[in-house]
Amino acid sequence: ENIELRNNERMCLYDAVHCNSQAEKYNYIKQFIELREQRTSFMKEEFITYECMVESIEGPAWYVEMNAYNAICEKDESETLRKYSGFILDAYEANYNIRKSCYSSGMLLCLL
């Protein structure tokens, strides 16, 4: 159950960043919060705390890295965003390497 909720939660973040309207973004963020709260209700607090800590430390670092990459490479920002945010879509990697998978979710939280 945790894996399914976590994958859905990550898709909501991705969709919130890539949607076209504020109303859609609001709905995806709302869904994300609801899914995170569902997971929090049955998981040990230290697991959720760990994920949140990694998201809040490594996510902003990835956000800065993405912006530095844009500044140096002078590539299309939307292309770079797709590249960096696309890591969140890999469900296998997200469940195999929890720490690393929190980088992309933390970065997307920064973009919201």
Protein backbone atom coordinates (compact mmCIF):
# COMPACT_ATOMS: atom_id res chain seq x y z
CA GLU A 1 0.00 0.00 0.00
CA ASN A 2 2.82 2.42 0.86
CA ILE A 3 4.50 1.91 -2.52
CA GLU A 4 1.31 2.56 -4.46
CA LEU A 5 0.51 5.70 -2.45
CA ARG A 6 4.08 6.94 -2.76
CA ASN A 7 4.09 6.45 -6.54
CA ASN A 8 0.75 8.28 -6.83
CA GLU A 9 2.03 11.06 -4.60
CA ARG A 10 5.08 11.50 -6.84
CA MET A 11 2.91 11.60 -9.98
CA CYS A 12 0.83 14.37 -8.41
CA LEU A 13 3.99 16.43 -7.89
CA TYR A 14 5.07 15.86 -11.48
CA ASP A 15 1.63 16.74 -12.83
CA ALA A 16 1.40 19.85 -10.62
CA VAL A 17 4.65 21.19 -12.05
CA HIS A 18 3.75 20.40 -15.66
CA CYS A 19 0.05 21.31 -15.76
CA ASN A 20 -1.30 24.33 -17.62
CA SER A 21 -3.69 25.99 -15.18
CA GLN A 22 -3.68 27.15 -11.58
CA ALA A 23 -6.85 25.15 -10.91
CA GLU A 24 -5.17 21.94 -12.08
CA LYS A 25 -2.07 22.75 -10.05
CA TYR A 26 -4.19 23.33 -6.95
CA ASN A 27 -5.95 19.97 -7.42
CA TYR A 28 -2.68 18.08 -7.88
CA ILE A 29 -1.17 19.72 -4.80
CA LYS A 30 -4.29 18.88 -2.82
CA GLN A 31 -4.08 15.25 -3.97
CA PHE A 32 -0.40 15.15 -3.06
CA ILE A 33 -1.12 16.38 0.47
CA GLU A 34 -3.96 13.88 0.91
CA LEU A 35 -1.77 10.99 -0.26
CA ARG A 36 1.12 12.06 1.98
CA GLU A 37 -1.26 12.26 4.95
CA GLN A 38 -2.59 8.77 4.16
CA ARG A 39 0.93 7.36 4.17
CA THR A 40 1.76 9.22 7.36
CA SER A 41 -1.23 7.67 9.10
CA PHE A 42 0.11 4.11 8.88
CA MET A 43 3.88 4.47 8.56
CA LYS A 44 6.36 4.85 11.35
CA GLU A 45 7.10 8.49 11.99
CA GLU A 46 10.85 8.05 11.49
CA PHE A 47 10.38 6.85 7.89
CA ILE A 48 8.26 9.84 6.92
CA THR A 49 10.64 12.16 8.80
CA TYR A 50 13.58 10.67 6.90
CA GLU A 51 11.89 11.20 3.52
CA CYS A 52 10.95 14.78 4.43
CA MET A 53 14.46 15.55 5.63
CA VAL A 54 16.04 14.26 2.42
CA GLU A 55 13.45 16.13 0.34
CA SER A 56 14.14 19.36 2.22
CA ILE A 57 17.95 19.08 1.96
CA GLU A 58 18.67 17.33 -1.34
CA GLY A 59 15.62 18.66 -3.20
CA PRO A 60 16.72 22.31 -3.00
CA ALA A 61 20.27 21.22 -3.89
CA TRP A 62 18.92 19.59 -7.05
CA TYR A 63 16.84 22.69 -7.75
CA VAL A 64 20.00 24.84 -7.56
CA GLU A 65 21.87 22.33 -9.73
CA MET A 66 19.14 22.45 -12.37
CA ASN A 67 19.19 26.25 -12.42
CA ALA A 68 23.01 26.31 -12.62
CA TYR A 69 22.85 23.84 -15.50
CA ASN A 70 20.38 26.14 -17.27
CA ALA A 71 22.60 29.18 -16.72
CA ILE A 72 25.79 27.52 -17.92
CA CYS A 73 24.48 25.43 -20.80
CA GLU A 74 21.99 28.00 -22.06
CA LYS A 75 19.58 25.23 -22.98
CA ASP A 76 15.83 25.51 -23.20
CA GLU A 77 14.59 25.67 -19.60
CA SER A 78 11.54 23.51 -20.32
CA GLU A 79 13.79 20.80 -21.78
CA THR A 80 16.00 20.86 -18.68
CA LEU A 81 12.94 20.78 -16.42
CA ARG A 82 11.61 17.73 -18.27
CA LYS A 83 15.00 16.04 -17.92
CA TYR A 84 15.32 16.67 -14.18
CA SER A 85 11.67 16.15 -13.29
CA GLY A 86 11.50 12.98 -15.37
CA PHE A 87 13.49 11.11 -12.73
CA ILE A 88 10.39 11.12 -10.53
CA LEU A 89 8.57 8.94 -13.07
CA ASP A 90 10.84 5.92 -12.58
CA ALA A 91 8.75 3.87 -10.13
CA TYR A 92 11.33 1.09 -9.86
CA GLU A 93 14.13 3.48 -8.90
CA ALA A 94 11.81 5.37 -6.55
CA ASN A 95 11.14 2.24 -4.55
CA TYR A 96 14.59 0.71 -4.85
CA ASN A 97 16.57 3.75 -3.69
CA ILE A 98 14.41 5.80 -1.32
CA ARG A 99 17.07 8.41 -0.54
CA LYS A 100 17.90 9.19 -4.16
CA SER A 101 14.24 9.22 -5.14
CA CYS A 102 13.59 11.98 -2.60
CA TYR A 103 15.91 14.31 -4.54
CA SER A 104 13.44 14.68 -7.40
CA SER A 105 10.37 14.99 -5.19
CA GLY A 106 12.14 17.64 -3.12
CA MET A 107 13.13 19.54 -6.26
CA LEU A 108 9.56 19.48 -7.56
CA LEU A 109 8.33 20.79 -4.21
CA CYS A 110 10.73 23.73 -4.69
CA LEU A 111 9.21 24.41 -8.10
CA LEU A 112 5.71 24.68 -6.68
